[in-house]
Amino acid sequence: MISLILTITFIGLMFLRVPVSFAIGISTLISLLLMGKDVVLIPQYMIQGVTNIALLAVPFFILAGNLFNSMGLSRRIWDFAQHLVGHWKGGLGHVMTVAEMILSGISGSALADEAALGIIGIPAMEKAGYRRQFASALTLSVSVLGPIIPPSINMIIYGVIAEVSIARLFIGGLIPGVIIGGCIMGMIYYFALKGIEPCPVQPKKTIPEIGRSFFRNSPTLLVPVFIVLGMGIGMVTPTEVGLLASIYALFLGLFYREASFKELIHCLESSAKSSCLIMYIIAVSTVAGWIYTYEGTSQKIAELMLHLTTNKYIVLFLINVFLLILGCLLEPIPALILTTPIFMPVIKQLGVDPVHFGLIICYNLTIGIITPPMGIGLYVMIGIVDITFEDLIKACIPFLFPIVGSLFLITYIPQLTLFLPNLIMGRP
C-alpha cells in the first residue's frame, strides 16, 4: 500500500512540474512518515546509495563529455564523418548518425551528444538545404545512442544497482549501438530515395582525402577504441577510464590549441552541477528502493507477472511496453533506478541474462527523451534551435519506427548483446 502511495505521489508531483529530485524526496518522506519510520533512515540510505566505488566513474565521464564538446573536439568527429559518408544517398543525415556513433563512445550521455551535435550539425544541414524540422528530429533521435555505445552513465548506474559487470555491459552495447545507428540510416536512405525529404549529398571524397581526415582527427576518433579495449582486457576500471578520458580530452584541447582557461572553468562548473544532481537523484532513489523492497513490491510484481504468463518473450514484451510508457513520464535515470530492483526478480526467474536486460532497460528508457510530455530531449532541442514543440514532435514520429523496431530486435535476439562480452571476457 505504501509503495502505491509513493508511486502515485511521485508521478503526481512530476505532473505538477516539481523537479524530479524534489519529487522523489518529498514522496519518499511522506511514505516513511506513513510507515511510522524514523526519518533518520533517509540520510542513512542516501549515503549508502552513493558510496559504491563504481559511481566515481559518473562525474569523470560527464567531465570528459563536456571537455570534448567545449574544446571543439566534436567538430573533428563531424569533419571525419562528413569525409566518410557525406556522399551517400541521404548526405548529411548519415554524417549526423555516424558522428553520433563515434561521439557516443566518448561522452556516455544522450543530452550532451544532442547539444554538441545540434550546435554543429543542424546549422550545417540547414545551410546545405535540409529542413530544420528534419535536422532537429534526426539529431534528437540519434542521441539515443549516447547511453548505448560505451561508455554509458546509465549502464554504470544499472550495473551498480543490479550488481552486474559494468565492463560486460559496456562491451555488450557495441553491436546494439551499430544496429540502432544502421536502422536510423536505413530510414534516412528511404527518405532520400523516395524524395520525402530533400537530402543533398556532399561531393565524394577520394581515398587520400579520407585518409588525411582520419590522420588529422585520429587522436579524437581512437578514444572509443581505447575505452573498449582497456576494459575488455581488464587493464582499467570504469572509474579509471573516466579519469583518463577527462585528462586525454584536456590534453587534446591543448594540443589542438582550442583549450582556454575560461572554457575549462565552465566545464568544471557544469560537470560539478550535473554530477551533484545525478548523485542526489541516485541517493534519494535508494531510499525509495528500500521502501519497495521492505514491502516486497518487487516479489509481488514478479509473482503477478509470472501468474499471468511464464512465457519469457511475452513477459519481455509487457516489460518493454510498460517502460516505454514510463519513459514518457519520467527522466531516464530516476526511472532506471526505480524500476531495476522491481524487474530483477522477474528476469532472474525467467533466466534472462542481466547484461542483456541491462541493454534493454537502458535503451528503452532513453527513448523517453524524445517522447512527450516529459521528453527532456525535446526541451533541450528547443533551447538549441528555433523550432516549435509541435513541429519537433511531428518530425520525430517517423524516427520512432526504426528506434522502437531495433529495441524489439535487441530484446528478442540476446546474442546481439551477449556475443562480444562472451567472446572477449569469456562466459560468466
Protein backbone atom coordinates (compact mmCIF):
# COMPACT_ATOMS: atom_id res chain seq x y z
CA MET A 1 0.00 0.00 0.00
CA ILE A 2 2.80 2.41 0.91
CA SER A 3 4.59 1.60 -2.36
CA LEU A 4 1.45 2.58 -4.27
CA ILE A 5 1.19 5.86 -2.33
CA LEU A 6 4.87 6.58 -3.03
CA THR A 7 4.42 5.94 -6.77
CA ILE A 8 1.21 7.98 -7.12
CA THR A 9 2.65 10.88 -5.10
CA PHE A 10 5.82 10.90 -7.17
CA ILE A 11 4.01 10.86 -10.52
CA GLY A 12 1.53 13.48 -9.29
CA LEU A 13 4.36 15.82 -8.29
CA MET A 14 6.01 15.29 -11.67
CA PHE A 15 2.79 16.34 -13.43
CA LEU A 16 2.78 19.46 -11.26
CA ARG A 17 6.22 20.25 -12.74
CA VAL A 18 8.07 19.68 -9.46
CA PRO A 19 11.74 18.93 -10.27
CA VAL A 20 12.37 15.20 -10.27
CA SER A 21 14.94 15.41 -7.44
CA PHE A 22 12.42 17.11 -5.14
CA ALA A 23 9.54 14.89 -6.30
CA ILE A 24 11.39 11.72 -5.29
CA GLY A 25 12.46 13.22 -1.95
CA ILE A 26 9.01 14.51 -1.00
CA SER A 27 7.20 11.30 -1.97
CA THR A 28 9.77 9.24 -0.07
CA LEU A 29 9.45 11.42 3.05
CA ILE A 30 5.64 11.14 3.00
CA SER A 31 5.86 7.36 2.62
CA LEU A 32 8.27 6.96 5.54
CA LEU A 33 6.07 9.09 7.78
CA LEU A 34 3.02 6.98 6.87
CA MET A 35 5.04 3.86 7.71
CA GLY A 36 5.89 5.31 11.09
CA LYS A 37 9.62 5.02 10.43
CA ASP A 38 12.27 7.36 11.77
CA VAL A 39 13.26 9.88 9.08
CA VAL A 40 16.89 9.32 10.05
CA LEU A 41 16.65 6.40 7.59
CA ILE A 42 16.70 8.92 4.75
CA PRO A 43 20.28 10.20 5.20
CA GLN A 44 21.48 6.71 6.14
CA TYR A 45 20.25 5.10 2.93
CA MET A 46 21.20 8.15 0.84
CA ILE A 47 24.81 7.79 1.97
CA GLN A 48 24.70 4.04 1.40
CA GLY A 49 23.35 4.58 -2.12
CA VAL A 50 26.27 6.69 -3.35
CA THR A 51 29.23 5.02 -1.64
CA ASN A 52 29.75 2.39 -4.35
CA ILE A 53 33.19 2.91 -5.85
CA ALA A 54 31.91 2.34 -9.41
CA LEU A 55 29.81 5.51 -9.20
CA LEU A 56 33.03 7.55 -9.16
CA ALA A 57 33.11 7.00 -12.92
CA VAL A 58 29.96 9.09 -13.42
CA PRO A 59 31.43 12.58 -12.77
CA PHE A 60 34.56 11.73 -14.79
CA PHE A 61 32.53 10.72 -17.86
CA ILE A 62 30.40 13.84 -17.50
CA LEU A 63 33.56 15.95 -17.39
CA ALA A 64 35.09 14.12 -20.36
CA GLY A 65 31.97 14.70 -22.45
CA ASN A 66 31.85 18.39 -21.54
CA LEU A 67 35.53 18.84 -22.36
CA PHE A 68 35.17 17.18 -25.76
CA ASN A 69 32.18 19.37 -26.60
CA SER A 70 33.53 22.71 -25.37
CA MET A 71 37.03 22.37 -26.82
CA GLY A 72 35.98 21.85 -30.41
CA LEU A 73 36.75 18.14 -30.49
CA SER A 74 33.20 17.28 -31.58
CA ARG A 75 33.77 19.30 -34.75
CA ARG A 76 36.64 17.00 -35.65
CA ILE A 77 34.36 13.98 -35.37
CA TRP A 78 31.86 15.73 -37.66
CA ASP A 79 34.64 16.51 -40.16
CA PHE A 80 35.72 12.87 -40.41
CA ALA A 81 32.13 11.58 -40.69
CA GLN A 82 31.49 14.09 -43.49
CA HIS A 83 34.51 12.85 -45.42
CA LEU A 84 33.48 9.23 -44.86
CA VAL A 85 29.74 9.11 -45.67
CA GLY A 86 28.73 12.60 -46.84
CA HIS A 87 28.36 11.38 -50.44
CA TRP A 88 25.92 8.56 -49.58
CA LYS A 89 22.26 9.00 -50.55
CA GLY A 90 20.95 10.81 -47.50
CA GLY A 91 24.05 13.01 -47.29
CA LEU A 92 24.46 14.87 -44.01
CA GLY A 93 21.78 12.71 -42.39
CA HIS A 94 24.25 9.82 -42.48
CA VAL A 95 27.03 12.16 -41.34
CA MET A 96 24.97 13.10 -38.27
CA THR A 97 24.35 9.43 -37.43
CA VAL A 98 27.97 8.32 -37.87
CA ALA A 99 29.24 11.34 -35.91
CA GLU A 100 26.90 10.42 -33.05
CA MET A 101 28.04 6.80 -33.09
CA ILE A 102 31.63 8.00 -32.63
CA LEU A 103 30.78 10.68 -30.07
CA SER A 104 28.72 8.16 -28.08
CA GLY A 105 31.95 6.29 -27.49
CA ILE A 106 33.27 9.27 -25.56
CA SER A 107 30.55 11.09 -23.61
CA GLY A 108 28.10 8.43 -22.38
CA SER A 109 25.25 10.94 -22.27
CA ALA A 110 22.40 11.40 -24.75
CA LEU A 111 21.71 15.03 -23.82
CA ALA A 112 25.39 16.03 -24.03
CA ASP A 113 25.63 14.49 -27.51
CA GLU A 114 22.40 16.15 -28.59
CA ALA A 115 23.66 19.57 -27.54
CA ALA A 116 27.12 19.12 -29.09
CA LEU A 117 25.97 17.82 -32.47
CA GLY A 118 22.95 20.10 -32.54
CA ILE A 119 25.12 23.19 -32.36
CA ILE A 120 27.48 21.87 -35.05
CA GLY A 121 25.32 19.77 -37.34
CA ILE A 122 21.94 21.48 -37.59
CA PRO A 123 23.29 24.79 -38.98
CA ALA A 124 25.46 22.80 -41.44
CA MET A 125 22.46 20.75 -42.57
CA GLU A 126 20.25 23.84 -42.98
CA LYS A 127 22.95 25.58 -44.99
CA ALA A 128 23.16 22.53 -47.28
CA GLY A 129 19.40 22.61 -47.92
CA TYR A 130 17.91 20.31 -45.26
CA ARG A 131 14.71 21.28 -43.47
CA ARG A 132 15.20 22.47 -39.88
CA GLN A 133 12.49 20.12 -38.61
CA PHE A 134 14.17 17.08 -40.17
CA ALA A 135 17.66 18.07 -38.99
CA SER A 136 16.44 18.74 -35.44
CA ALA A 137 14.44 15.50 -35.19
CA LEU A 138 17.35 13.47 -36.59
CA THR A 139 19.82 15.00 -34.13
CA LEU A 140 17.50 14.25 -31.22
CA SER A 141 16.76 10.72 -32.44
CA VAL A 142 20.37 9.64 -32.95
CA SER A 143 21.25 10.92 -29.48
CA VAL A 144 19.59 7.81 -28.02
CA LEU A 145 22.88 6.08 -28.94
CA GLY A 146 24.66 8.06 -26.20
CA PRO A 147 23.90 5.64 -23.34
CA ILE A 148 24.17 2.51 -25.54
CA ILE A 149 27.58 2.67 -27.22
CA PRO A 150 30.16 2.59 -24.40
CA PRO A 151 30.89 4.35 -22.16
CA SER A 152 27.45 4.89 -20.64
CA ILE A 153 26.44 6.69 -17.45
CA ASN A 154 23.14 4.80 -17.38
CA MET A 155 24.91 1.43 -17.66
CA ILE A 156 27.15 2.33 -14.72
CA ILE A 157 24.09 3.08 -12.60
CA TYR A 158 22.33 -0.10 -13.72
CA GLY A 159 25.46 -2.18 -13.07
CA VAL A 160 25.71 -0.84 -9.51
CA ILE A 161 22.03 -1.50 -8.75
CA ALA A 162 21.84 -4.92 -10.41
CA GLU A 163 25.38 -5.95 -9.34
CA VAL A 164 26.36 -6.69 -12.93
CA SER A 165 29.80 -6.28 -14.53
CA ILE A 166 29.99 -2.78 -15.98
CA ALA A 167 32.71 -3.89 -18.40
CA ARG A 168 30.39 -6.59 -19.82
CA LEU A 169 27.59 -4.02 -20.13
CA PHE A 170 29.88 -1.60 -21.97
CA ILE A 171 31.10 -4.20 -24.45
CA GLY A 172 27.58 -5.57 -24.85
CA GLY A 173 26.40 -2.18 -26.12
CA LEU A 174 28.64 -2.15 -29.20
CA ILE A 175 26.65 -4.35 -31.59
CA PRO A 176 23.23 -2.99 -30.48
CA GLY A 177 24.58 0.54 -30.97
CA VAL A 178 25.65 -0.25 -34.53
CA ILE A 179 22.27 -1.87 -35.24
CA ILE A 180 20.35 1.16 -33.93
CA GLY A 181 22.51 3.51 -35.99
CA GLY A 182 22.08 1.29 -39.05
CA CYS A 183 18.27 1.27 -38.67
CA ILE A 184 18.18 5.07 -38.47
CA MET A 185 20.45 5.33 -41.52
CA GLY A 186 18.09 2.98 -43.35
CA MET A 187 15.23 5.38 -42.62
CA ILE A 188 17.30 8.33 -43.88
CA TYR A 189 18.14 6.44 -47.09
CA TYR A 190 14.45 5.66 -47.60
CA PHE A 191 13.51 9.33 -47.15
CA ALA A 192 16.14 10.37 -49.68
CA LEU A 193 15.29 7.62 -52.15
CA LYS A 194 11.56 8.40 -52.16
CA GLY A 195 12.08 12.17 -52.12
CA ILE A 196 10.22 12.53 -48.82
CA GLU A 197 12.96 14.81 -47.54
CA PRO A 198 15.42 16.90 -49.55
CA CYS A 199 18.77 15.32 -48.72
CA PRO A 200 21.55 16.93 -50.79
CA VAL A 201 24.75 14.88 -50.87
CA GLN A 202 28.31 16.07 -50.49
CA PRO A 203 30.97 15.63 -53.18
CA LYS A 204 32.58 12.23 -52.93
CA LYS A 205 35.96 12.33 -51.23
CA THR A 206 38.93 10.43 -52.57
CA ILE A 207 40.64 7.74 -50.50
CA PRO A 208 43.65 10.03 -49.84
CA GLU A 209 41.29 12.79 -48.64
CA ILE A 210 39.54 10.38 -46.27
CA GLY A 211 42.93 9.16 -45.07
CA ARG A 212 44.13 12.68 -44.38
CA SER A 213 40.92 13.45 -42.47
CA PHE A 214 41.38 10.31 -40.38
CA PHE A 215 45.02 11.10 -39.70
CA ARG A 216 44.18 14.71 -38.81
CA ASN A 217 41.39 13.69 -36.42
CA SER A 218 42.61 10.28 -35.26
CA PRO A 219 43.60 11.41 -31.73
CA THR A 220 39.91 12.09 -31.15
CA LEU A 221 38.49 9.16 -33.13
CA LEU A 222 40.52 6.49 -31.32
CA VAL A 223 39.22 7.29 -27.82
CA PRO A 224 36.29 4.80 -28.01
CA VAL A 225 38.66 2.06 -29.16
CA PHE A 226 40.96 2.62 -26.17
CA ILE A 227 37.98 2.59 -23.79
CA VAL A 228 36.58 -0.71 -25.03
CA LEU A 229 39.95 -2.47 -25.32
CA GLY A 230 41.10 -1.24 -21.92
CA MET A 231 38.02 -2.52 -20.14
CA GLY A 232 37.70 -5.65 -22.26
CA ILE A 233 41.13 -6.99 -21.34
CA GLY A 234 40.80 -5.83 -17.74
CA MET A 235 43.55 -3.21 -17.79
CA VAL A 236 41.40 -0.39 -16.35
CA THR A 237 38.22 0.01 -14.33
CA PRO A 238 35.30 2.23 -15.41
CA THR A 239 36.44 4.92 -12.95
CA GLU A 240 39.99 4.86 -14.33
CA VAL A 241 38.64 5.04 -17.89
CA GLY A 242 36.58 8.10 -16.99
CA LEU A 243 39.56 9.81 -15.37
CA LEU A 244 41.88 9.01 -18.29
CA ALA A 245 39.28 10.19 -20.81
CA SER A 246 38.99 13.54 -18.99
CA ILE A 247 42.76 14.02 -18.87
CA TYR A 248 43.08 13.00 -22.53
CA ALA A 249 40.32 15.43 -23.59
CA LEU A 250 42.14 18.27 -21.81
CA PHE A 251 45.40 17.22 -23.46
CA LEU A 252 43.78 17.24 -26.92
CA GLY A 253 42.31 20.67 -26.25
CA LEU A 254 45.82 21.95 -25.53
CA PHE A 255 47.32 20.01 -28.45
CA TYR A 256 44.85 21.50 -30.95
CA ARG A 257 45.16 24.88 -29.21
CA GLU A 258 41.42 25.10 -28.67
CA ALA A 259 41.50 24.97 -24.86
CA SER A 260 41.09 28.09 -22.79
CA PHE A 261 41.09 28.73 -19.06
CA LYS A 262 37.58 30.18 -19.28
CA GLU A 263 36.24 27.09 -21.05
CA LEU A 264 37.94 24.80 -18.55
CA ILE A 265 36.34 26.61 -15.60
CA HIS A 266 32.95 26.45 -17.33
CA CYS A 267 33.37 22.70 -17.92
CA LEU A 268 34.29 22.09 -14.29
CA GLU A 269 31.30 24.10 -13.04
CA SER A 270 28.85 22.43 -15.43
CA SER A 271 30.20 18.96 -14.67
CA ALA A 272 30.02 19.57 -10.92
CA LYS A 273 26.39 20.68 -11.15
CA SER A 274 25.38 17.71 -13.31
CA SER A 275 27.27 15.25 -11.09
CA CYS A 276 25.68 16.61 -7.91
CA LEU A 277 22.21 16.38 -9.40
CA ILE A 278 22.69 12.81 -10.63
CA MET A 279 24.25 11.68 -7.35
CA TYR A 280 21.42 13.26 -5.36
CA ILE A 281 18.84 11.51 -7.52
CA ILE A 282 20.68 8.20 -7.02
CA ALA A 283 20.88 8.79 -3.27
CA VAL A 284 17.25 9.70 -2.69
CA SER A 285 16.04 6.99 -5.10
CA THR A 286 17.90 4.46 -2.96
CA VAL A 287 15.52 5.30 -0.11
CA ALA A 288 12.53 4.78 -2.41
CA GLY A 289 14.04 1.47 -3.49
CA TRP A 290 14.35 0.41 0.15
CA ILE A 291 10.63 1.10 0.66
CA TYR A 292 9.73 -1.06 -2.34
CA THR A 293 11.99 -3.83 -1.02
CA TYR A 294 10.65 -3.51 2.57
CA GLU A 295 7.10 -4.02 1.31
CA GLY A 296 8.10 -6.84 -1.01
CA THR A 297 6.82 -4.93 -4.03
CA SER A 298 9.39 -6.46 -6.39
CA GLN A 299 8.47 -10.00 -5.46
CA LYS A 300 4.73 -9.27 -5.66
CA ILE A 301 5.10 -7.82 -9.16
CA ALA A 302 7.21 -10.83 -10.18
CA GLU A 303 4.57 -13.23 -8.87
CA LEU A 304 1.80 -11.27 -10.61
CA MET A 305 3.55 -11.23 -14.00
CA LEU A 306 4.53 -14.89 -13.80
CA HIS A 307 0.98 -15.77 -12.74
CA LEU A 308 -0.28 -14.17 -15.96
CA THR A 309 2.28 -15.97 -18.13
CA THR A 310 5.57 -17.81 -17.83
CA ASN A 311 6.45 -17.18 -21.47
CA LYS A 312 9.71 -15.25 -21.40
CA TYR A 313 9.02 -13.45 -24.67
CA ILE A 314 5.58 -12.24 -23.64
CA VAL A 315 6.91 -11.01 -20.28
CA LEU A 316 9.71 -9.11 -22.02
CA PHE A 317 7.13 -7.57 -24.37
CA LEU A 318 5.00 -6.45 -21.41
CA ILE A 319 8.05 -5.00 -19.63
CA ASN A 320 9.05 -3.11 -22.78
CA VAL A 321 5.56 -1.65 -23.20
CA PHE A 322 5.49 -0.60 -19.53
CA LEU A 323 8.92 1.02 -19.76
CA LEU A 324 8.04 2.85 -22.98
CA ILE A 325 5.00 4.36 -21.25
CA LEU A 326 7.01 5.15 -18.13
CA GLY A 327 9.67 6.83 -20.26
CA CYS A 328 7.03 9.31 -21.42
CA LEU A 329 6.52 10.38 -17.80
CA LEU A 330 9.94 10.16 -16.12
CA GLU A 331 13.52 11.05 -16.97
CA PRO A 332 15.72 8.03 -17.77
CA ILE A 333 17.94 7.97 -14.67
CA PRO A 334 15.25 8.10 -11.94
CA ALA A 335 13.12 5.66 -13.95
CA LEU A 336 16.11 3.32 -14.25
CA ILE A 337 16.85 3.48 -10.52
CA LEU A 338 13.25 2.85 -9.51
CA THR A 339 12.41 0.04 -11.98
CA THR A 340 15.60 -2.03 -11.99
CA PRO A 341 15.05 -3.53 -8.49
CA ILE A 342 11.41 -4.21 -9.37
CA PHE A 343 12.09 -6.22 -12.53
CA MET A 344 15.29 -8.02 -11.50
CA PRO A 345 13.40 -10.84 -9.66
CA VAL A 346 11.26 -11.35 -12.78
CA ILE A 347 14.11 -11.63 -15.25
CA LYS A 348 16.11 -13.88 -12.91
CA GLN A 349 13.24 -16.33 -12.61
CA LEU A 350 12.84 -16.32 -16.40
CA GLY A 351 16.55 -16.93 -16.97
CA VAL A 352 17.18 -13.67 -18.83
CA ASP A 353 20.84 -12.64 -18.73
CA PRO A 354 21.15 -9.45 -16.58
CA VAL A 355 23.60 -7.95 -19.11
CA HIS A 356 21.06 -8.45 -21.87
CA PHE A 357 18.30 -6.96 -19.72
CA GLY A 358 20.58 -4.03 -18.87
CA LEU A 359 20.78 -3.09 -22.57
CA ILE A 360 17.01 -3.45 -22.91
CA ILE A 361 16.12 -1.23 -19.96
CA CYS A 362 18.80 1.42 -20.63
CA TYR A 363 17.82 1.74 -24.30
CA ASN A 364 14.10 1.61 -23.63
CA LEU A 365 14.12 4.39 -21.05
CA THR A 366 16.47 6.52 -23.17
CA ILE A 367 13.80 6.55 -25.90
CA GLY A 368 11.77 8.58 -23.41
CA ILE A 369 13.86 11.68 -24.12
CA ILE A 370 12.08 12.06 -27.46
CA THR A 371 8.52 11.23 -26.34
CA PRO A 372 6.14 13.81 -24.84
CA PRO A 373 5.04 15.03 -22.39
CA MET A 374 8.22 14.72 -20.27
CA GLY A 375 10.75 14.08 -23.04
CA ILE A 376 13.65 16.15 -21.78
CA GLY A 377 15.47 15.88 -25.11
CA LEU A 378 12.62 17.77 -26.77
CA TYR A 379 13.10 20.73 -24.45
CA VAL A 380 16.88 20.68 -24.88
CA MET A 381 16.47 20.78 -28.66
CA ILE A 382 14.02 23.69 -28.43
CA GLY A 383 16.68 25.52 -26.42
CA ILE A 384 19.24 24.92 -29.18
CA VAL A 385 17.12 25.56 -32.28
CA ASP A 386 14.27 27.95 -33.00
CA ILE A 387 11.53 25.35 -33.53
CA THR A 388 8.07 24.82 -32.04
CA PHE A 389 7.31 21.90 -29.74
CA GLU A 390 4.59 20.62 -32.08
CA ASP A 391 6.79 20.73 -35.21
CA LEU A 392 9.59 18.89 -33.42
CA ILE A 393 7.28 16.12 -32.20
CA LYS A 394 5.78 15.63 -35.67
CA ALA A 395 9.25 15.42 -37.22
CA CYS A 396 10.37 12.86 -34.60
CA ILE A 397 7.47 10.44 -35.17
CA PRO A 398 8.94 8.69 -38.28
CA PHE A 399 12.20 8.01 -36.44
CA LEU A 400 10.35 6.15 -33.70
CA PHE A 401 9.78 3.26 -36.13
CA PRO A 402 13.48 2.29 -36.56
CA ILE A 403 14.20 3.15 -32.90
CA VAL A 404 11.41 1.02 -31.40
CA GLY A 405 11.93 -1.66 -34.06
CA SER A 406 15.59 -2.01 -33.08
CA LEU A 407 14.53 -2.18 -29.40
CA PHE A 408 12.50 -5.32 -30.04
CA LEU A 409 15.25 -6.73 -32.27
CA ILE A 410 17.71 -6.36 -29.38
CA THR A 411 15.13 -7.76 -26.95
CA TYR A 412 14.44 -10.98 -28.82
CA ILE A 413 17.94 -11.73 -30.12
CA PRO A 414 20.04 -11.75 -26.93
CA GLN A 415 23.23 -12.78 -28.74
CA LEU A 416 23.37 -9.32 -30.32
CA THR A 417 24.22 -8.12 -26.82
CA LEU A 418 26.00 -11.14 -25.36
CA PHE A 419 28.23 -12.24 -28.25
CA LEU A 420 31.06 -9.72 -27.76
CA PRO A 421 31.21 -9.86 -23.91
CA ASN A 422 31.35 -13.66 -24.05
CA LEU A 423 33.95 -13.58 -26.83
CA ILE A 424 36.25 -11.02 -25.20
CA MET A 425 35.74 -11.72 -21.48
CA GLY A 426 34.52 -15.32 -21.55
CA ARG A 427 31.20 -16.63 -20.35
CA PRO A 428 30.28 -15.58 -16.78
